[in-house]
Protein backbone atom coordinates (compact mmCIF):
# COMPACT_ATOMS: atom_id res chain seq x y z
CA MET A 1 155.02 136.25 252.75
CA LYS A 2 155.42 132.22 252.63
CA HIS A 3 152.64 132.86 249.58
CA ARG A 4 155.39 135.15 247.82
CA ASP A 5 158.34 133.25 248.44
CA ALA A 6 156.73 130.53 246.80
CA ARG A 7 155.95 132.00 243.69
CA SER A 8 159.75 133.72 243.53
CA ALA A 9 161.08 130.49 243.68
CA ALA A 10 159.08 128.22 241.37
CA ASN A 11 159.94 127.37 238.10
CA ARG A 12 158.69 124.30 237.27
CA ALA A 13 155.23 122.86 238.34
CA ASP A 14 154.10 119.23 238.43
CA LEU A 15 151.42 116.98 238.78
CA GLY A 16 149.89 118.11 242.19
CA LYS A 17 149.03 121.68 240.41
CA ASP A 18 150.02 123.58 243.63
CA PRO A 19 148.93 126.63 242.79
CA ALA A 20 151.74 129.12 244.09
CA ARG A 21 154.11 127.28 241.85
CA VAL A 22 151.68 126.43 238.82
CA SER A 23 151.39 130.51 239.33
CA GLY A 24 154.66 131.61 239.66
CA MET A 25 155.80 129.31 236.38
CA PHE A 26 152.86 131.65 234.30
CA ASP A 27 154.87 134.56 236.44
CA GLN A 28 158.29 133.25 234.66
CA VAL A 29 156.87 132.58 231.22
CA ALA A 30 154.39 135.29 230.62
CA ALA A 31 156.62 137.74 228.58
CA ARG A 32 157.02 135.01 225.72
CA TYR A 33 154.39 133.28 226.19
CA ASP A 34 152.37 133.72 223.22
CA VAL A 35 155.23 133.64 220.57
CA THR A 36 156.24 130.09 222.19
CA ASN A 37 152.77 129.04 221.87
CA THR A 38 152.48 129.89 218.29
CA VAL A 39 156.27 128.18 217.30
CA LEU A 40 155.55 125.12 219.50
CA SER A 41 152.19 124.24 217.75
CA VAL A 42 153.22 125.25 214.87
CA GLY A 43 150.53 128.00 213.98
CA ASN A 44 147.85 125.98 215.14
CA ASP A 45 146.91 128.19 217.94
CA GLN A 46 145.42 130.87 216.18
CA LEU A 47 143.48 128.25 214.50
CA TRP A 48 142.18 126.77 218.20
CA ARG A 49 142.00 130.35 218.82
CA ALA A 50 139.48 131.46 216.13
CA ALA A 51 137.17 128.62 216.61
CA THR A 52 136.46 129.10 220.12
CA THR A 53 135.44 133.04 219.78
CA ARG A 54 132.97 131.69 217.04
CA ALA A 55 131.77 129.09 219.63
CA VAL A 56 131.39 131.66 222.03
CA ALA A 57 129.71 133.93 219.71
CA PRO A 58 129.71 137.07 221.37
CA ARG A 59 127.58 140.22 220.90
CA PRO A 60 127.59 143.39 221.59
CA GLY A 61 126.23 144.13 224.87
CA GLU A 62 126.90 140.68 226.50
CA ARG A 63 129.26 140.24 229.26
CA ILE A 64 131.63 137.39 229.17
CA LEU A 65 134.20 136.15 231.57
CA ASP A 66 137.38 134.98 229.46
CA LEU A 67 139.12 132.31 232.31
CA ALA A 68 142.90 131.34 232.28
CA ALA A 69 143.08 134.38 230.04
CA GLY A 70 147.18 134.50 230.46
CA THR A 71 147.75 137.82 228.33
CA GLY A 72 144.42 138.21 226.91
CA ALA A 73 144.98 137.28 223.05
CA SER A 74 141.74 135.29 223.23
CA SER A 75 140.31 138.03 225.52
CA VAL A 76 140.68 141.01 222.19
CA SER A 77 139.43 138.09 220.06
CA LEU A 78 136.20 138.38 221.78
CA ALA A 79 136.44 141.89 222.51
CA ARG A 80 136.08 143.32 219.09
CA SER A 81 132.45 141.80 219.07
CA GLY A 82 131.80 144.73 221.44
CA ALA A 83 130.78 142.19 224.43
CA GLN A 84 132.52 143.39 227.64
CA VAL A 85 135.55 141.30 228.55
CA VAL A 86 136.97 140.67 231.85
CA ALA A 87 140.21 138.52 231.21
CA ALA A 88 140.62 136.31 234.57
CA ASP A 89 144.05 134.51 235.24
CA PHE A 90 145.75 133.60 238.66
CA SER A 91 149.08 133.93 237.21
CA PRO A 92 149.64 138.24 238.14
CA GLY A 93 152.84 137.69 235.32
CA MET A 94 150.00 137.11 233.30
CA ILE A 95 147.72 139.64 233.82
CA ALA A 96 150.67 142.49 234.46
CA GLU A 97 151.09 141.15 230.76
CA GLY A 98 148.08 141.51 229.43
CA ARG A 99 147.85 144.90 230.39
CA ARG A 100 150.79 145.96 229.23
CA ARG A 101 149.38 144.63 225.84
CA HIS A 102 146.21 145.40 225.99
CA GLY A 103 145.21 147.68 228.20
CA ALA A 104 144.08 150.38 225.53
CA VAL A 105 141.08 147.80 224.67
CA ARG A 106 137.77 150.25 226.33
CA ASN A 107 136.02 146.75 226.54
CA LEU A 108 137.99 144.40 227.98
CA THR A 109 139.52 144.54 231.58
CA PHE A 110 141.76 142.28 233.79
CA VAL A 111 141.24 140.51 237.34
CA GLU A 112 143.52 138.15 238.96
CA ALA A 113 141.49 135.36 240.02
CA ASP A 114 141.42 131.40 241.50
CA ALA A 115 139.27 129.72 238.97
CA THR A 116 138.06 127.60 242.16
CA ALA A 117 136.87 130.30 243.64
CA LEU A 118 135.38 133.13 241.55
CA PRO A 119 135.33 136.94 242.90
CA PHE A 120 132.14 137.14 240.30
CA ALA A 121 128.41 137.35 241.28
CA ASP A 122 126.14 134.51 240.95
CA ALA A 123 124.56 134.55 237.68
CA GLU A 124 126.61 137.80 236.23
CA PHE A 125 128.11 136.75 232.92
CA ASP A 126 126.49 135.61 229.81
CA ALA A 127 129.37 133.03 228.44
CA VAL A 128 132.22 131.51 230.48
CA THR A 129 135.05 130.59 228.28
CA MET A 130 138.06 128.73 229.10
CA SER A 131 140.85 127.87 226.95
CA PHE A 132 143.74 125.48 227.52
CA GLY A 133 143.95 126.36 232.02
CA LEU A 134 141.13 123.88 233.33
CA ARG A 135 144.21 121.58 232.79
CA ASN A 136 146.19 123.59 235.23
CA VAL A 137 143.82 124.01 238.18
CA ASP A 138 144.44 121.64 240.85
CA ARG A 139 140.79 120.98 241.48
CA PRO A 140 139.49 121.22 237.76
CA LYS A 141 135.79 120.43 238.79
CA GLN A 142 135.25 122.58 241.45
CA ALA A 143 136.31 125.36 238.35
CA ILE A 144 133.61 123.76 236.41
CA SER A 145 130.94 124.24 239.02
CA GLU A 146 132.43 127.78 240.06
CA LEU A 147 132.09 129.12 235.74
CA LEU A 148 128.20 127.87 236.25
CA ARG A 149 127.04 129.25 239.34
CA VAL A 150 128.71 133.02 237.70
CA THR A 151 126.37 132.26 234.36
CA LYS A 152 123.10 133.84 234.03
CA PRO A 153 120.64 131.16 233.37
CA GLY A 154 120.26 129.94 229.48
CA GLY A 155 124.39 131.22 229.43
CA ARG A 156 126.48 129.53 227.12
CA LEU A 157 130.19 127.91 228.43
CA VAL A 158 133.07 127.27 226.34
CA ILE A 159 136.26 125.10 227.25
CA CYS A 160 138.98 124.52 224.82
CA GLU A 161 141.60 122.34 226.23
CA PHE A 162 144.45 119.65 224.90
CA SER A 163 143.18 116.46 224.65
CA HIS A 164 143.54 112.96 223.14
CA PRO A 165 143.73 112.34 219.50
CA PRO A 166 141.30 109.14 218.71
CA ARG A 167 143.34 107.69 216.14
CA PRO A 168 145.51 105.69 217.18
CA ALA A 169 148.47 106.36 214.39
CA PHE A 170 147.94 110.11 214.85
CA ARG A 171 148.20 109.59 218.48
CA GLY A 172 151.56 108.61 218.09
CA LEU A 173 152.62 110.90 216.00
CA TYR A 174 151.48 113.63 218.30
CA ARG A 175 153.20 111.21 221.11
CA PHE A 176 156.59 111.82 219.57
CA TYR A 177 156.19 115.24 218.72
CA ASN A 178 155.49 116.00 222.12
CA ASP A 179 158.23 113.36 224.36
CA ARG A 180 161.06 114.02 221.53
CA VAL A 181 160.60 117.61 219.01
CA LEU A 182 158.67 119.61 221.47
CA PRO A 183 161.27 119.59 224.45
CA ARG A 184 163.73 121.08 221.94
CA ILE A 185 161.93 123.01 220.41
CA ALA A 186 161.24 124.69 223.74
CA ARG A 187 164.82 124.83 224.95
CA ALA A 188 165.89 126.93 222.47
CA ILE A 189 163.11 129.54 222.39
CA SER A 190 161.11 129.56 225.93
CA SER A 191 162.77 131.66 228.66
CA ASN A 192 161.51 128.44 231.30
CA THR A 193 162.03 124.72 229.72
CA GLU A 194 160.81 123.34 232.71
CA ALA A 195 157.63 125.08 231.79
CA TYR A 196 157.11 122.80 229.36
CA ASP A 197 158.54 119.50 230.38
CA TYR A 198 155.44 120.20 232.61
CA LEU A 199 152.83 121.31 229.53
CA ASN A 200 153.84 117.34 228.18
CA GLU A 201 153.14 115.81 231.13
CA SER A 202 149.67 117.83 231.85
CA ILE A 203 148.84 116.71 228.55
CA ARG A 204 149.40 113.03 229.12
CA ALA A 205 147.59 112.56 232.03
CA TRP A 206 144.49 114.77 231.22
CA PRO A 207 140.94 113.07 230.19
CA ASP A 208 140.05 112.47 227.55
CA GLN A 209 136.86 114.21 225.87
CA ARG A 210 133.77 111.77 227.00
CA THR A 211 135.48 112.12 230.45
CA LEU A 212 135.94 115.82 230.37
CA ALA A 213 131.83 116.01 228.91
CA SER A 214 131.01 114.14 231.65
CA TRP A 215 132.64 116.41 234.38
CA ILE A 216 130.83 119.57 232.55
CA ARG A 217 127.25 117.52 232.98
CA ASP A 218 128.14 116.39 236.68
CA ALA A 219 128.17 119.90 237.39
CA GLY A 220 124.77 120.88 236.38
CA TRP A 221 124.87 121.78 232.30
CA THR A 222 122.96 120.50 229.48
CA ASP A 223 123.43 120.34 226.24
CA VAL A 224 126.92 118.92 226.87
CA ALA A 225 128.74 118.36 223.53
CA TRP A 226 132.52 118.80 222.05
CA ARG A 227 134.22 118.25 218.53
CA ASP A 228 138.07 117.92 217.65
CA LEU A 229 140.17 120.17 216.35
CA SER A 230 143.36 119.24 214.94
CA PHE A 231 142.26 115.69 214.58
CA GLY A 232 142.05 115.70 219.09
CA ILE A 233 144.77 117.50 219.80
CA VAL A 234 142.44 119.87 221.06
CA ALA A 235 138.94 119.35 221.81
CA LEU A 236 135.88 121.98 221.85
CA HIS A 237 133.54 121.44 224.96
CA ARG A 238 130.20 123.39 224.79
CA ALA A 239 127.18 123.76 226.91
CA VAL A 240 124.55 126.00 228.15
CA LYS A 241 123.43 126.60 231.80
CA PRO A 242 119.29 125.43 232.00
CA ALA A 243 117.29 128.20 232.78
CA GLU A 244 115.69 126.07 236.07
CA VAL A 245 117.59 124.05 238.67
CA ALA A 246 116.93 120.09 238.11
CA ALA A 247 114.71 119.03 240.88
CA SER A 248 117.05 116.48 241.29
CA ALA A 249 120.10 115.64 240.64
CA GLY A 250 118.96 111.87 240.79
CA ASP A 251 116.26 111.88 238.05
CA GLY A 252 115.68 111.31 234.37
CA ASP A 253 118.61 109.50 232.64
CA GLN A 254 121.59 108.25 234.61
CA GLY A 255 122.26 105.92 232.22
CA ALA A 256 122.37 108.33 229.25
CA ASP A 257 125.28 108.71 227.50
CA PRO A 258 126.81 112.19 228.92
CA ALA A 259 127.46 114.12 225.98
CA GLY A 260 127.42 114.20 222.21
CA ARG A 261 130.07 114.46 219.24
CA LEU A 262 129.82 117.50 217.55
CA ASP A 263 130.80 116.98 213.64
CA ALA A 264 131.28 120.99 212.88
C-alpha cells in the first residue's frame, strides 16, 4: 500500500531517483509524453529513434528487449523488422498507454519491469536497447549488468541517452535552451511541468560519453563504442556481449582506452 501511495502522490522526481517517485512521475505524463518530447526536441527525437533502430539492426525472428520503452514508439520501429520485441518499462502508466496505442501489433508485447532486476531469463535476447531511460535509474551500473545477463553471447547492446556536447560554444547554447527556453515550452504543453525541471537536472548531472562507455565495458561488454547525435546532445553507445566470459577481470588491457568513438 505504501508503494501505491507513493506513486499516486508523485509529481516530480529528484536526483535521488527513488523508483516509486520516478515511476509515478512518468505515469502522470504518459498520455502526452511523445508529443511533448517531439516539441521540446524540435523533432530530433524521431531522428534519434531512427538512428537507434539502425544501430540495433533488428532482423526477422530475433528476440529484442526495448527497455524503458515508454509508450512503445521505439518498440514499434523495431517490430517493423519482423523481430519479436518486448517493450519493458517500470511505469504502469506508460505500459498502459503503450498497450492502448500499439496493442494490435502482433510481434510486440508490453511488460512492466525494473531495470535493476529484470524479469527475464539469462541469455534470452539477441539484442537489448534502452533509450533515454538509463539516466532515470537509481543504479544505472546494475541496469547495464542486467542487460548483459539477459543477452545471448554475441548479442548486441544499444543505449541512446542524453549526453554533453563536446564543443564549448554549442554546449553553452544547449545549456541556455535547457535552462531558459525548455521550461517555458514545457509549461505551455506538458501536463506536468515539474517533470521537465527534473529532466533538465538529470541531463546536467549525467556523465559524459567516455564515462558511460567505461561503465558499459566494466559490466563485461566488449567492442564498446559511441557516436554523437545532434552535436552531442545525445550519444549512441554500442557494445557486444562476448561469446565467452573472460577468465579474469584483471587480465589484459587495464590501462587501455575503454571505448572508441564512432564517426558513422
